[in-house]
N, C-alpha and C. Protein backbone atom coordinates (compact mmCIF):
# COMPACT_ATOMS: atom_id res chain seq x y z
N UNK A 1 -31.00 -25.30 65.35
CA UNK A 1 -30.50 -24.61 64.22
C UNK A 1 -31.14 -23.28 64.37
N UNK A 2 -30.30 -22.29 64.55
CA UNK A 2 -30.69 -20.70 64.73
C UNK A 2 -31.45 -20.33 63.45
N UNK A 3 -32.48 -19.68 63.54
CA UNK A 3 -33.24 -19.07 62.46
C UNK A 3 -32.86 -17.69 62.15
N UNK A 4 -32.47 -17.38 60.72
CA UNK A 4 -32.03 -16.03 60.36
C UNK A 4 -33.35 -15.15 60.13
N UNK A 5 -33.17 -14.15 60.76
CA UNK A 5 -34.39 -13.13 60.72
C UNK A 5 -33.93 -12.08 59.80
N UNK A 6 -34.68 -11.85 58.63
CA UNK A 6 -34.32 -10.84 57.99
C UNK A 6 -35.73 -10.08 57.27
N UNK A 7 -35.43 -8.93 56.71
CA UNK A 7 -36.56 -8.30 55.95
C UNK A 7 -36.93 -9.02 54.79
N UNK A 8 -38.31 -9.46 54.37
CA UNK A 8 -38.53 -10.48 53.19
C UNK A 8 -38.68 -9.45 51.96
N UNK A 9 -37.30 -8.86 51.71
CA UNK A 9 -37.31 -8.08 50.37
C UNK A 9 -36.41 -8.75 49.44
N UNK A 10 -36.67 -8.19 48.13
CA UNK A 10 -35.74 -8.95 47.01
C UNK A 10 -34.28 -8.69 47.26
N UNK A 11 -34.02 -7.40 47.83
CA UNK A 11 -32.53 -7.21 48.33
C UNK A 11 -31.85 -8.15 49.23
N UNK A 12 -32.87 -8.43 50.01
CA UNK A 12 -32.09 -9.31 51.15
C UNK A 12 -32.18 -10.81 50.63
N UNK A 13 -33.10 -11.13 49.74
CA UNK A 13 -33.17 -12.52 49.17
C UNK A 13 -31.54 -12.45 48.05
N UNK A 14 -31.41 -11.35 47.40
CA UNK A 14 -30.11 -11.44 46.61
C UNK A 14 -29.10 -11.74 47.55
N UNK A 15 -28.97 -10.85 48.71
CA UNK A 15 -27.89 -11.09 49.56
C UNK A 15 -27.68 -12.37 50.36
N UNK A 16 -28.73 -12.98 50.55
CA UNK A 16 -28.91 -14.11 51.18
C UNK A 16 -28.34 -15.47 50.19
N UNK A 17 -28.66 -15.43 48.89
CA UNK A 17 -28.31 -16.20 47.86
C UNK A 17 -26.61 -15.93 47.63
N UNK A 18 -26.28 -14.84 47.86
CA UNK A 18 -24.82 -14.54 47.52
C UNK A 18 -23.97 -15.29 48.73
N UNK A 19 -24.64 -15.03 49.84
CA UNK A 19 -23.96 -15.75 51.26
C UNK A 19 -24.03 -17.24 51.01
N UNK A 20 -25.07 -17.82 50.61
CA UNK A 20 -25.21 -19.19 50.48
C UNK A 20 -24.08 -19.67 49.45
N UNK A 21 -24.18 -19.09 48.20
CA UNK A 21 -23.13 -19.35 47.44
C UNK A 21 -21.75 -19.38 47.93
N UNK A 22 -21.31 -18.29 48.53
CA UNK A 22 -20.00 -18.06 49.18
C UNK A 22 -19.84 -19.25 50.32
N UNK A 23 -20.92 -19.54 51.01
CA UNK A 23 -20.66 -20.74 52.06
C UNK A 23 -20.58 -21.99 51.29
N UNK A 24 -21.15 -22.38 50.32
CA UNK A 24 -20.79 -23.58 49.57
C UNK A 24 -19.48 -23.61 49.15
N UNK A 25 -18.96 -22.46 48.51
CA UNK A 25 -17.55 -22.63 48.06
C UNK A 25 -16.68 -22.91 49.38
N UNK A 26 -16.92 -22.11 50.39
CA UNK A 26 -15.98 -22.14 51.48
C UNK A 26 -16.13 -23.76 52.26
N UNK A 27 -17.37 -24.32 52.21
CA UNK A 27 -17.52 -25.59 52.64
C UNK A 27 -16.70 -26.49 51.78
N UNK A 28 -16.75 -26.58 50.48
CA UNK A 28 -15.91 -27.42 49.68
C UNK A 28 -14.34 -27.26 49.84
N UNK A 29 -14.09 -25.98 49.95
CA UNK A 29 -12.49 -25.55 50.06
C UNK A 29 -12.14 -26.28 51.60
N UNK A 30 -13.05 -26.03 52.56
CA UNK A 30 -12.78 -26.73 53.80
C UNK A 30 -12.55 -28.20 54.00
N UNK A 31 -13.53 -28.82 53.10
CA UNK A 31 -13.51 -30.30 53.13
C UNK A 31 -12.36 -30.71 52.58
N UNK A 32 -12.01 -30.05 51.36
CA UNK A 32 -10.70 -30.48 50.74
C UNK A 32 -9.49 -30.36 51.51
N UNK A 33 -9.53 -29.27 52.23
CA UNK A 33 -8.37 -28.94 53.18
C UNK A 33 -8.34 -30.23 54.30
N UNK A 34 -9.46 -30.47 54.79
CA UNK A 34 -9.43 -31.46 55.89
C UNK A 34 -9.15 -32.84 55.54
N UNK A 35 -9.57 -33.13 54.24
CA UNK A 35 -9.02 -34.32 53.65
C UNK A 35 -7.63 -34.51 53.23
N UNK A 36 -7.15 -33.38 52.76
CA UNK A 36 -5.61 -33.29 52.71
C UNK A 36 -4.63 -33.31 53.95
N UNK A 37 -5.33 -32.55 55.04
CA UNK A 37 -4.84 -32.43 56.35
C UNK A 37 -4.69 -34.03 56.86
N UNK A 38 -5.98 -34.74 56.84
CA UNK A 38 -5.87 -36.23 57.15
C UNK A 38 -4.91 -37.00 56.49
N UNK A 39 -4.77 -36.79 55.18
CA UNK A 39 -3.63 -37.37 54.47
C UNK A 39 -2.23 -37.20 54.87
N UNK A 40 -1.92 -35.99 55.18
CA UNK A 40 -0.60 -35.50 55.70
C UNK A 40 -0.64 -36.22 57.16
N UNK A 41 -1.56 -35.98 57.96
CA UNK A 41 -1.56 -36.52 59.38
C UNK A 41 -1.16 -38.01 59.44
N UNK A 42 -1.81 -38.75 58.46
CA UNK A 42 -1.56 -40.18 58.56
C UNK A 42 -0.01 -40.58 58.14
N UNK A 43 0.37 -39.82 57.36
CA UNK A 43 1.73 -40.08 56.76
C UNK A 43 2.67 -39.61 57.90
N UNK A 44 2.54 -38.67 58.50
CA UNK A 44 3.39 -38.26 59.65
C UNK A 44 3.15 -39.28 60.87
N UNK A 45 1.90 -39.95 61.02
CA UNK A 45 1.74 -40.85 62.21
C UNK A 45 2.54 -42.06 61.92
N UNK A 46 2.55 -42.51 60.56
CA UNK A 46 3.20 -43.64 60.27
C UNK A 46 4.66 -43.59 60.34
N UNK A 47 5.16 -42.27 60.11
CA UNK A 47 6.63 -42.02 60.23
C UNK A 47 6.94 -42.10 61.79
N UNK A 48 6.06 -41.45 62.54
CA UNK A 48 6.35 -41.28 63.84
C UNK A 48 6.25 -42.67 64.47
N UNK A 49 5.35 -43.57 64.21
CA UNK A 49 5.50 -44.74 64.66
C UNK A 49 6.81 -45.69 64.28
N UNK A 50 7.14 -45.51 63.17
CA UNK A 50 8.36 -46.04 62.67
C UNK A 50 9.75 -45.73 63.47
N UNK A 51 9.83 -44.34 63.55
CA UNK A 51 10.88 -43.63 64.44
C UNK A 51 10.71 -44.06 65.97
N UNK A 52 9.42 -44.11 66.49
CA UNK A 52 9.42 -44.56 67.85
C UNK A 52 9.75 -45.83 68.14
N UNK A 53 9.49 -46.60 67.34
CA UNK A 53 9.57 -48.14 67.35
C UNK A 53 11.24 -48.33 67.35
N UNK A 54 11.95 -47.62 66.46
CA UNK A 54 13.32 -47.54 66.33
C UNK A 54 14.07 -47.13 67.61
N UNK A 55 13.53 -46.07 68.10
CA UNK A 55 14.17 -45.38 69.44
C UNK A 55 13.78 -46.27 70.44
N UNK A 56 12.81 -46.94 70.77
CA UNK A 56 12.43 -47.57 71.89
C UNK A 56 13.41 -48.90 71.93
N UNK A 57 13.56 -49.46 70.78
CA UNK A 57 14.27 -50.67 70.68
C UNK A 57 15.83 -50.22 70.91
N UNK A 58 16.25 -49.19 70.50
CA UNK A 58 17.71 -48.74 70.64
C UNK A 58 17.82 -48.33 72.11
N UNK A 59 16.71 -47.72 72.78
CA UNK A 59 16.71 -47.40 74.19
C UNK A 59 16.99 -48.69 75.10
N UNK A 60 16.41 -49.73 74.55
CA UNK A 60 16.20 -51.07 75.43
C UNK A 60 17.77 -51.41 75.36
N UNK A 61 18.25 -51.39 74.18
CA UNK A 61 19.74 -51.97 73.94
C UNK A 61 20.65 -51.07 74.89
N UNK A 62 20.32 -49.80 74.99
CA UNK A 62 21.12 -48.85 75.83
C UNK A 62 21.05 -49.11 77.34
N UNK A 63 19.85 -49.42 77.70
CA UNK A 63 19.64 -49.68 78.98
C UNK A 63 20.26 -51.10 79.43
N UNK A 64 20.25 -51.95 78.56
CA UNK A 64 20.84 -53.18 78.67
C UNK A 64 22.33 -53.13 78.80
N UNK A 65 22.91 -52.33 77.97
CA UNK A 65 24.54 -52.08 78.20
C UNK A 65 24.96 -51.25 79.38
N UNK A 66 23.88 -50.35 79.80
CA UNK A 66 24.24 -49.71 80.95
C UNK A 66 23.99 -50.65 82.26
N UNK A 67 23.03 -51.41 82.25
CA UNK A 67 22.93 -52.23 83.27
C UNK A 67 23.90 -53.38 83.39
N UNK A 68 24.51 -53.75 82.33
CA UNK A 68 25.51 -54.85 82.21
C UNK A 68 26.90 -53.97 82.96
N UNK A 69 26.92 -52.78 82.47
CA UNK A 69 28.28 -52.09 82.94
C UNK A 69 28.16 -51.84 84.65
N UNK A 70 26.75 -51.65 85.02
CA UNK A 70 26.68 -51.37 86.39
C UNK A 70 26.96 -52.71 87.19
N UNK A 71 26.60 -53.73 86.58
CA UNK A 71 26.62 -55.26 87.08
C UNK A 71 27.88 -55.73 87.36
N UNK A 72 28.95 -55.07 86.60
CA UNK A 72 30.21 -55.56 86.83
C UNK A 72 31.20 -54.66 87.56
N UNK A 73 30.73 -53.34 87.61
CA UNK A 73 31.35 -52.49 88.37
C UNK A 73 30.87 -52.01 89.85
N UNK A 74 31.73 -51.12 90.44
CA UNK A 74 31.19 -50.57 91.56
C UNK A 74 30.05 -49.48 91.22
N UNK A 75 28.83 -49.72 91.84
CA UNK A 75 27.90 -48.71 91.66
C UNK A 75 28.08 -47.28 92.12
N UNK A 76 29.00 -47.13 93.09
CA UNK A 76 29.39 -45.80 93.61
C UNK A 76 30.24 -45.11 92.72
N UNK A 77 31.35 -45.85 92.17
CA UNK A 77 32.31 -45.30 91.17
C UNK A 77 31.56 -45.10 89.89
N UNK A 78 30.63 -45.94 89.57
CA UNK A 78 29.77 -45.66 88.39
C UNK A 78 29.01 -44.27 88.43
N UNK A 79 28.57 -44.07 89.54
CA UNK A 79 27.78 -42.95 89.95
C UNK A 79 28.48 -41.70 89.81
N UNK A 80 29.67 -41.68 90.37
CA UNK A 80 30.73 -40.50 90.40
C UNK A 80 31.20 -40.34 88.93
N UNK A 81 31.35 -41.40 88.13
CA UNK A 81 31.90 -41.18 86.78
C UNK A 81 30.97 -40.42 86.04
N UNK A 82 29.59 -40.49 86.22
CA UNK A 82 28.54 -39.86 85.46
C UNK A 82 28.03 -38.43 86.10
N UNK A 83 28.71 -37.97 87.12
CA UNK A 83 28.24 -37.02 87.68
C UNK A 83 28.38 -35.59 86.78
N UNK A 84 29.55 -35.57 86.34
CA UNK A 84 29.87 -34.32 85.45
C UNK A 84 29.41 -34.84 83.97
N UNK A 85 28.88 -33.46 83.23
CA UNK A 85 28.58 -33.89 81.92
C UNK A 85 29.64 -34.21 80.99
N UNK A 86 29.45 -35.04 80.11
CA UNK A 86 30.77 -35.40 79.20
C UNK A 86 30.57 -35.00 77.73
N UNK A 87 29.41 -34.40 77.52
CA UNK A 87 29.38 -33.91 75.96
C UNK A 87 28.12 -33.03 75.81
N UNK A 88 27.86 -32.36 74.77
CA UNK A 88 27.05 -31.14 74.39
C UNK A 88 26.32 -31.59 73.04
N UNK A 89 25.13 -31.10 73.01
CA UNK A 89 24.42 -31.20 71.75
C UNK A 89 23.63 -29.88 71.35
N UNK A 90 23.53 -29.48 70.15
CA UNK A 90 22.84 -28.33 69.57
C UNK A 90 21.87 -28.69 68.70
N UNK A 91 20.62 -28.09 68.94
CA UNK A 91 19.56 -28.19 68.09
C UNK A 91 19.10 -27.03 67.33
N UNK A 92 18.93 -26.96 66.13
CA UNK A 92 18.53 -25.67 65.57
C UNK A 92 16.87 -26.03 65.32
N UNK A 93 16.20 -24.91 65.52
CA UNK A 93 14.56 -25.03 65.57
C UNK A 93 14.29 -24.14 64.48
N UNK A 94 13.51 -24.65 63.59
CA UNK A 94 12.87 -23.80 62.55
C UNK A 94 11.51 -24.13 62.27
N UNK A 95 10.66 -23.23 61.56
CA UNK A 95 9.23 -23.62 61.35
C UNK A 95 8.94 -23.66 59.81
N UNK A 96 8.05 -24.53 59.36
CA UNK A 96 7.82 -24.76 58.28
C UNK A 96 6.16 -24.90 58.12
N UNK A 97 5.68 -24.26 56.70
CA UNK A 97 4.46 -24.38 56.66
C UNK A 97 3.66 -25.75 56.04
N UNK A 98 2.78 -26.13 56.80
CA UNK A 98 2.25 -27.53 56.17
C UNK A 98 0.82 -27.34 56.19
N UNK A 99 0.35 -26.95 54.99
CA UNK A 99 -1.27 -27.01 54.96
C UNK A 99 -1.80 -25.94 55.79
N UNK A 100 -1.01 -24.72 55.96
CA UNK A 100 -1.34 -23.58 56.64
C UNK A 100 -1.15 -23.89 58.18
N UNK A 101 -0.19 -24.96 58.53
CA UNK A 101 -0.05 -25.08 59.77
C UNK A 101 1.49 -24.95 60.00
N UNK A 102 1.86 -24.05 61.04
CA UNK A 102 3.25 -23.93 61.33
C UNK A 102 3.63 -25.20 62.25
N UNK A 103 4.42 -25.97 61.68
CA UNK A 103 5.27 -27.01 62.31
C UNK A 103 6.57 -26.88 62.43
N UNK A 104 7.13 -27.44 63.50
CA UNK A 104 8.63 -27.25 63.75
C UNK A 104 9.42 -28.20 62.90
N UNK A 105 10.59 -27.71 62.77
CA UNK A 105 11.62 -28.39 62.02
C UNK A 105 13.03 -28.53 62.76
N UNK A 106 13.42 -29.49 63.38
CA UNK A 106 14.46 -29.63 64.22
C UNK A 106 15.66 -30.21 63.40
N UNK A 107 16.89 -29.65 63.32
CA UNK A 107 18.05 -30.00 62.99
C UNK A 107 19.08 -30.08 63.88
N UNK A 108 19.71 -31.34 63.91
CA UNK A 108 20.90 -31.47 64.80
C UNK A 108 20.50 -32.53 65.90
N UNK A 109 21.16 -32.39 67.15
CA UNK A 109 20.96 -33.43 68.17
C UNK A 109 22.25 -34.38 68.30
N UNK A 110 23.10 -34.32 67.42
CA UNK A 110 24.46 -35.07 67.68
C UNK A 110 25.03 -34.68 69.02
N UNK A 111 25.59 -35.57 69.79
CA UNK A 111 26.07 -35.54 70.97
C UNK A 111 27.51 -35.92 70.83
N UNK A 112 28.52 -34.76 71.17
CA UNK A 112 30.01 -35.14 71.31
C UNK A 112 30.17 -35.70 72.56
N UNK A 113 30.34 -37.10 72.73
CA UNK A 113 30.79 -37.61 74.04
C UNK A 113 32.15 -37.58 74.30
N UNK A 114 32.45 -37.07 75.53
CA UNK A 114 33.81 -37.10 76.11
C UNK A 114 34.16 -37.75 77.21
N UNK A 115 35.19 -38.33 77.32
CA UNK A 115 35.58 -39.19 78.43
C UNK A 115 36.04 -38.20 79.57
N UNK A 116 35.22 -38.26 80.65
CA UNK A 116 35.41 -37.34 81.74
C UNK A 116 35.59 -38.25 83.15
N UNK A 117 36.10 -39.36 82.93
CA UNK A 117 36.33 -40.27 84.13
C UNK A 117 37.44 -41.18 83.87
N UNK A 118 38.09 -41.67 84.99
CA UNK A 118 39.28 -42.68 85.02
C UNK A 118 38.81 -43.86 84.18
N UNK A 119 39.55 -44.42 83.27
CA UNK A 119 39.37 -45.74 82.72
C UNK A 119 39.44 -46.96 83.70
N UNK A 120 40.43 -46.58 84.48
CA UNK A 120 41.05 -47.73 85.18
C UNK A 120 39.90 -48.29 86.21
N UNK A 121 38.85 -47.64 86.62
CA UNK A 121 38.10 -48.05 87.77
C UNK A 121 36.61 -48.21 87.18
N UNK A 122 36.45 -48.07 85.91
CA UNK A 122 35.03 -48.05 85.38
C UNK A 122 35.02 -49.33 84.42
N UNK A 123 33.73 -49.76 84.38
CA UNK A 123 33.60 -51.06 83.44
C UNK A 123 33.77 -50.72 82.19
N UNK A 124 34.30 -51.38 81.30
CA UNK A 124 34.48 -51.24 79.81
C UNK A 124 33.10 -51.04 79.10
N UNK A 125 32.01 -51.72 79.62
CA UNK A 125 30.52 -51.41 79.01
C UNK A 125 30.27 -50.13 78.94
N UNK A 126 30.59 -49.42 80.02
CA UNK A 126 30.23 -47.81 80.09
C UNK A 126 30.43 -47.19 78.66
N UNK A 127 31.81 -47.17 78.30
CA UNK A 127 31.98 -46.58 77.12
C UNK A 127 30.98 -46.80 75.80
N UNK A 128 30.77 -48.13 75.60
CA UNK A 128 29.85 -48.64 74.57
C UNK A 128 28.36 -48.02 75.01
N UNK A 129 27.95 -47.84 76.26
CA UNK A 129 26.76 -47.46 76.54
C UNK A 129 26.54 -46.06 76.23
N UNK A 130 27.65 -45.36 76.46
CA UNK A 130 27.62 -43.79 76.22
C UNK A 130 27.61 -43.69 74.78
N UNK A 131 28.26 -44.39 73.88
CA UNK A 131 28.30 -44.15 72.52
C UNK A 131 27.03 -44.71 71.91
N UNK A 132 26.35 -45.60 72.53
CA UNK A 132 25.01 -46.01 71.97
C UNK A 132 23.96 -44.70 72.24
N UNK A 133 24.09 -44.12 73.41
CA UNK A 133 23.23 -43.00 73.62
C UNK A 133 23.60 -41.82 72.74
N UNK A 134 24.72 -41.66 72.38
CA UNK A 134 25.17 -40.53 71.48
C UNK A 134 24.59 -40.93 70.05
N UNK A 135 24.67 -41.89 69.56
CA UNK A 135 24.04 -42.23 68.29
C UNK A 135 22.54 -42.05 68.26
N UNK A 136 21.93 -42.43 69.60
CA UNK A 136 20.41 -42.40 69.54
C UNK A 136 19.72 -40.87 69.72
N UNK A 137 20.71 -39.99 69.88
CA UNK A 137 20.22 -38.37 70.14
C UNK A 137 19.37 -37.90 69.03
N UNK A 138 20.02 -38.05 67.70
CA UNK A 138 19.42 -37.64 66.46
C UNK A 138 17.92 -38.12 66.23
N UNK A 139 17.82 -39.42 66.52
CA UNK A 139 16.57 -40.17 66.32
C UNK A 139 15.63 -39.61 67.47
N UNK A 140 16.08 -39.18 68.50
CA UNK A 140 15.15 -38.76 69.73
C UNK A 140 14.76 -37.31 69.43
N UNK A 141 15.54 -36.50 68.69
CA UNK A 141 15.32 -35.06 68.21
C UNK A 141 14.29 -35.30 67.13
N UNK A 142 14.30 -36.16 66.01
CA UNK A 142 13.54 -36.62 65.13
C UNK A 142 12.13 -36.87 65.52
N UNK A 143 12.25 -37.83 66.47
CA UNK A 143 10.98 -38.20 67.09
C UNK A 143 10.06 -36.94 67.81
N UNK A 144 10.81 -36.17 68.58
CA UNK A 144 10.26 -34.93 69.24
C UNK A 144 9.63 -34.09 67.85
N UNK A 145 10.41 -33.85 66.91
CA UNK A 145 9.70 -33.12 65.85
C UNK A 145 8.44 -33.81 65.34
N UNK A 146 8.39 -35.15 65.02
CA UNK A 146 7.22 -35.73 64.76
C UNK A 146 6.14 -35.66 65.43
N UNK A 147 6.34 -35.85 66.93
CA UNK A 147 5.37 -35.70 67.94
C UNK A 147 4.73 -34.45 67.92
N UNK A 148 5.25 -33.57 67.86
CA UNK A 148 4.94 -32.06 67.87
C UNK A 148 4.10 -31.80 66.71
N UNK A 149 4.48 -32.38 65.58
CA UNK A 149 3.90 -32.00 64.23
C UNK A 149 2.42 -32.81 64.17
N UNK A 150 2.48 -34.09 64.66
CA UNK A 150 1.23 -34.90 64.91
C UNK A 150 0.29 -34.02 65.74
N UNK A 151 0.57 -33.59 66.97
CA UNK A 151 -0.09 -32.83 67.96
C UNK A 151 -0.80 -31.33 67.22
N UNK A 152 -0.04 -30.81 66.32
CA UNK A 152 -0.40 -29.64 65.75
C UNK A 152 -1.36 -29.93 64.54
N UNK A 153 -1.29 -30.92 63.84
CA UNK A 153 -1.97 -31.33 62.83
C UNK A 153 -3.30 -31.89 63.23
N UNK A 154 -3.29 -32.51 64.32
CA UNK A 154 -4.58 -33.01 64.82
C UNK A 154 -5.57 -31.91 65.30
N UNK A 155 -4.89 -30.89 66.17
CA UNK A 155 -5.64 -29.63 66.48
C UNK A 155 -6.25 -28.85 65.23
N UNK A 156 -5.31 -28.87 64.40
CA UNK A 156 -5.86 -28.19 63.04
C UNK A 156 -7.15 -28.94 62.32
N UNK A 157 -6.88 -30.27 62.40
CA UNK A 157 -7.90 -31.07 61.81
C UNK A 157 -9.23 -30.96 62.56
N UNK A 158 -9.21 -30.93 63.86
CA UNK A 158 -10.40 -30.57 64.69
C UNK A 158 -11.05 -29.41 64.50
N UNK A 159 -10.05 -28.34 64.37
CA UNK A 159 -10.78 -26.90 63.94
C UNK A 159 -11.47 -26.88 62.63
N UNK A 160 -10.80 -27.49 61.60
CA UNK A 160 -11.42 -27.43 60.21
C UNK A 160 -12.70 -28.33 60.14
N UNK A 161 -12.55 -29.48 60.95
CA UNK A 161 -13.67 -30.37 61.19
C UNK A 161 -14.97 -29.69 61.85
N UNK A 162 -14.70 -28.65 62.91
CA UNK A 162 -15.94 -27.99 63.32
C UNK A 162 -16.31 -26.92 62.40
N UNK A 163 -15.48 -26.26 61.83
CA UNK A 163 -15.94 -25.38 60.81
C UNK A 163 -16.76 -25.63 59.52
N UNK A 164 -16.39 -27.16 59.15
CA UNK A 164 -17.06 -27.82 58.09
C UNK A 164 -18.49 -27.99 58.55
N UNK A 165 -18.61 -28.74 59.93
CA UNK A 165 -19.81 -28.92 60.44
C UNK A 165 -20.78 -27.90 60.63
N UNK A 166 -20.15 -26.58 60.96
CA UNK A 166 -20.96 -25.37 61.32
C UNK A 166 -21.36 -25.10 60.05
N UNK A 167 -20.84 -24.99 58.92
CA UNK A 167 -21.17 -24.46 57.56
C UNK A 167 -22.46 -25.54 57.22
N UNK A 168 -22.04 -26.85 57.34
CA UNK A 168 -22.95 -27.95 56.59
C UNK A 168 -24.24 -28.07 57.47
N UNK A 169 -24.21 -27.99 58.81
CA UNK A 169 -25.54 -28.27 59.62
C UNK A 169 -26.06 -27.11 60.14
N UNK A 170 -25.55 -25.78 60.16
CA UNK A 170 -26.00 -24.60 60.89
C UNK A 170 -26.09 -23.46 59.78
N UNK A 171 -25.04 -23.14 59.28
CA UNK A 171 -25.15 -21.84 58.45
C UNK A 171 -26.01 -21.97 57.14
N UNK A 172 -25.39 -22.93 56.33
CA UNK A 172 -26.14 -23.24 55.06
C UNK A 172 -27.50 -23.58 55.08
N UNK A 173 -27.78 -24.62 55.86
CA UNK A 173 -29.42 -24.91 56.19
C UNK A 173 -30.11 -23.49 56.59
N UNK A 174 -29.35 -22.65 57.36
CA UNK A 174 -30.07 -21.38 57.92
C UNK A 174 -30.46 -20.58 56.53
N UNK A 175 -29.38 -20.43 55.84
CA UNK A 175 -29.52 -19.58 54.48
C UNK A 175 -30.59 -20.16 53.79
N UNK A 176 -30.53 -21.47 53.66
CA UNK A 176 -31.73 -22.15 52.67
C UNK A 176 -33.25 -21.82 53.15
N UNK A 177 -33.25 -22.16 54.52
CA UNK A 177 -34.54 -21.87 55.11
C UNK A 177 -35.15 -20.26 54.98
N UNK A 178 -34.12 -19.25 55.25
CA UNK A 178 -34.40 -18.01 54.82
C UNK A 178 -34.69 -17.66 53.50
N UNK A 179 -34.03 -18.09 52.64
CA UNK A 179 -34.29 -17.91 51.23
C UNK A 179 -35.68 -18.58 50.99
N UNK A 180 -35.93 -19.85 51.43
CA UNK A 180 -37.18 -20.45 51.12
C UNK A 180 -38.29 -19.59 51.65
N UNK A 181 -38.06 -19.11 52.97
CA UNK A 181 -39.18 -18.16 53.55
C UNK A 181 -39.35 -16.96 52.80
N UNK A 182 -38.24 -16.17 52.46
CA UNK A 182 -38.51 -14.88 51.63
C UNK A 182 -39.15 -15.17 50.50
N UNK A 183 -38.76 -16.27 49.76
CA UNK A 183 -39.23 -16.54 48.25
C UNK A 183 -40.71 -16.87 48.47
N UNK A 184 -41.18 -17.67 49.33
CA UNK A 184 -42.66 -17.89 49.59
C UNK A 184 -43.48 -16.54 49.90
N UNK A 185 -42.72 -15.74 50.79
CA UNK A 185 -43.48 -14.49 51.13
C UNK A 185 -43.64 -13.40 49.98
N UNK A 186 -42.42 -13.49 49.10
CA UNK A 186 -42.55 -12.62 47.78
C UNK A 186 -43.55 -13.23 46.81
N UNK A 187 -43.64 -14.63 46.66
CA UNK A 187 -44.44 -15.06 45.89
C UNK A 187 -45.89 -14.81 46.28
N UNK A 188 -46.28 -14.89 47.63
CA UNK A 188 -47.55 -14.79 48.10
C UNK A 188 -47.76 -13.23 47.86
N UNK A 189 -46.75 -12.36 48.08
CA UNK A 189 -47.26 -10.98 47.93
C UNK A 189 -47.47 -10.46 46.30
N UNK A 190 -46.73 -11.27 45.43
CA UNK A 190 -46.80 -11.22 44.00
C UNK A 190 -48.14 -11.60 43.52
N UNK A 191 -48.45 -12.78 44.05
CA UNK A 191 -49.77 -13.40 43.69
C UNK A 191 -51.06 -12.28 44.26
N UNK A 192 -50.83 -11.88 45.44
CA UNK A 192 -51.76 -10.93 45.93
C UNK A 192 -51.98 -9.66 45.08
N UNK A 193 -50.62 -9.05 45.00
CA UNK A 193 -50.67 -7.90 43.96
C UNK A 193 -51.30 -8.14 42.53
N UNK A 194 -51.04 -9.36 41.98
CA UNK A 194 -51.63 -9.73 40.67
C UNK A 194 -53.30 -10.00 40.90
N UNK A 195 -53.67 -10.40 41.82
CA UNK A 195 -55.16 -10.43 42.16
C UNK A 195 -55.91 -9.06 42.30
N UNK A 196 -55.07 -8.27 42.91
CA UNK A 196 -55.70 -6.97 43.04
C UNK A 196 -55.59 -6.22 41.90
N UNK A 197 -54.58 -6.53 41.12
CA UNK A 197 -54.49 -5.85 39.74
C UNK A 197 -55.70 -6.43 38.82
N UNK A 198 -55.89 -7.58 38.64
CA UNK A 198 -56.85 -7.95 38.04
C UNK A 198 -58.18 -7.62 38.47
N UNK A 199 -58.51 -7.48 39.77
CA UNK A 199 -59.65 -6.89 40.31
C UNK A 199 -59.93 -5.52 39.88
N UNK A 200 -58.80 -4.68 39.81
CA UNK A 200 -58.88 -3.30 39.40
C UNK A 200 -59.25 -3.18 37.93
N UNK A 201 -58.55 -4.02 37.22
CA UNK A 201 -58.87 -4.23 35.64
C UNK A 201 -60.24 -4.56 35.37
N UNK A 202 -60.81 -5.43 36.33
CA UNK A 202 -62.04 -5.89 36.02
C UNK A 202 -63.07 -4.84 36.32
N UNK A 203 -62.95 -4.07 37.44
CA UNK A 203 -63.55 -2.93 37.85
C UNK A 203 -63.54 -1.64 36.70
N UNK A 204 -62.37 -1.36 36.20
CA UNK A 204 -62.31 -0.40 35.19
C UNK A 204 -63.11 -0.91 33.85
N UNK A 205 -63.05 -2.15 33.66
CA UNK A 205 -63.52 -2.78 32.35
C UNK A 205 -65.24 -2.55 32.54
N UNK A 206 -65.57 -2.90 33.88
CA UNK A 206 -67.08 -2.47 34.22
C UNK A 206 -67.40 -1.24 34.15
N UNK A 207 -66.50 -0.39 34.45
CA UNK A 207 -67.00 0.94 34.35
C UNK A 207 -66.91 1.70 32.88
N UNK A 208 -66.04 0.97 32.05
CA UNK A 208 -66.08 1.28 30.72
C UNK A 208 -67.38 1.02 30.05
N UNK A 209 -67.79 -0.46 30.24
CA UNK A 209 -68.83 -0.97 29.71
C UNK A 209 -70.25 -0.16 30.21
N UNK A 210 -69.97 0.38 31.38
CA UNK A 210 -71.23 1.14 31.83
C UNK A 210 -71.38 2.47 31.21
N UNK A 211 -70.19 3.08 30.95
CA UNK A 211 -70.10 4.38 30.25
C UNK A 211 -70.73 4.20 28.87
N UNK A 212 -70.04 3.07 28.06
CA UNK A 212 -70.58 2.82 26.73
C UNK A 212 -72.13 2.58 26.64
N UNK A 213 -72.67 1.97 27.44
CA UNK A 213 -73.87 1.62 27.53
C UNK A 213 -74.78 2.95 27.77
N UNK A 214 -74.21 3.87 28.57
CA UNK A 214 -74.98 5.20 28.98
C UNK A 214 -74.90 6.11 27.60
N UNK A 215 -73.78 5.86 26.84
CA UNK A 215 -73.58 6.83 25.80
C UNK A 215 -74.58 6.42 24.72
N UNK A 216 -74.83 4.89 24.51
CA UNK A 216 -75.50 4.32 23.46
C UNK A 216 -77.17 4.41 23.80
N UNK A 217 -77.53 4.32 25.05
CA UNK A 217 -78.81 4.26 25.47
C UNK A 217 -79.32 5.28 26.26
N UNK A 218 -78.59 6.18 26.52
CA UNK A 218 -79.00 7.14 27.53
C UNK A 218 -78.64 6.88 28.97
N UNK A 219 -78.77 7.77 29.91
CA UNK A 219 -78.53 7.62 31.14
C UNK A 219 -79.41 6.56 31.79
N UNK A 220 -78.88 5.61 32.62
CA UNK A 220 -79.63 4.48 33.08
C UNK A 220 -80.30 5.06 34.41
N UNK A 221 -81.55 4.13 34.71
CA UNK A 221 -82.12 4.58 35.83
C UNK A 221 -81.49 4.19 36.97
């Protein structure tokens, strides 16, 4: 822990106490933020797992349909039928603030599938496989949104955790040590000043007593 070096004055002591009070308030706010971020993070993670499980299950169904279509048809004809794109999708991207973190918001992903191949030479299962892929597109866009949100929240949680630890284990203890050191130095100086003052008073009293004796009994030898 780095030691804070300042002049041991009352002004510096007051400044350090103010800084320590500010650090305590900041520490509490950051801890509250970290806890709320963790809560939101876990909510997004649970949603991400749910959507991912659904997407993976539907992808397996899509691959199964596509594999079945390829098994009953000519692979070369199937490849030629899928060379040209048969649909398009549009995704609107926006940003929203989540606990001071800018996270993406995706809207869209629907694919309008068009038939761009001859039906006479392609297996009937190919149409069903493409329709399943079209239905899956929106969930895949939602999954991408959740995955990015999880990544951004995790990074913000780590930054907040480091700031909390820096305040808790470095900055605040440093302020306390400096406050204690200055307070001890000021107390020591005050005790020394009080002792010197008492000594001066004692010498003044002795001088006064000496003058009174001189006045009463004459000049001493």
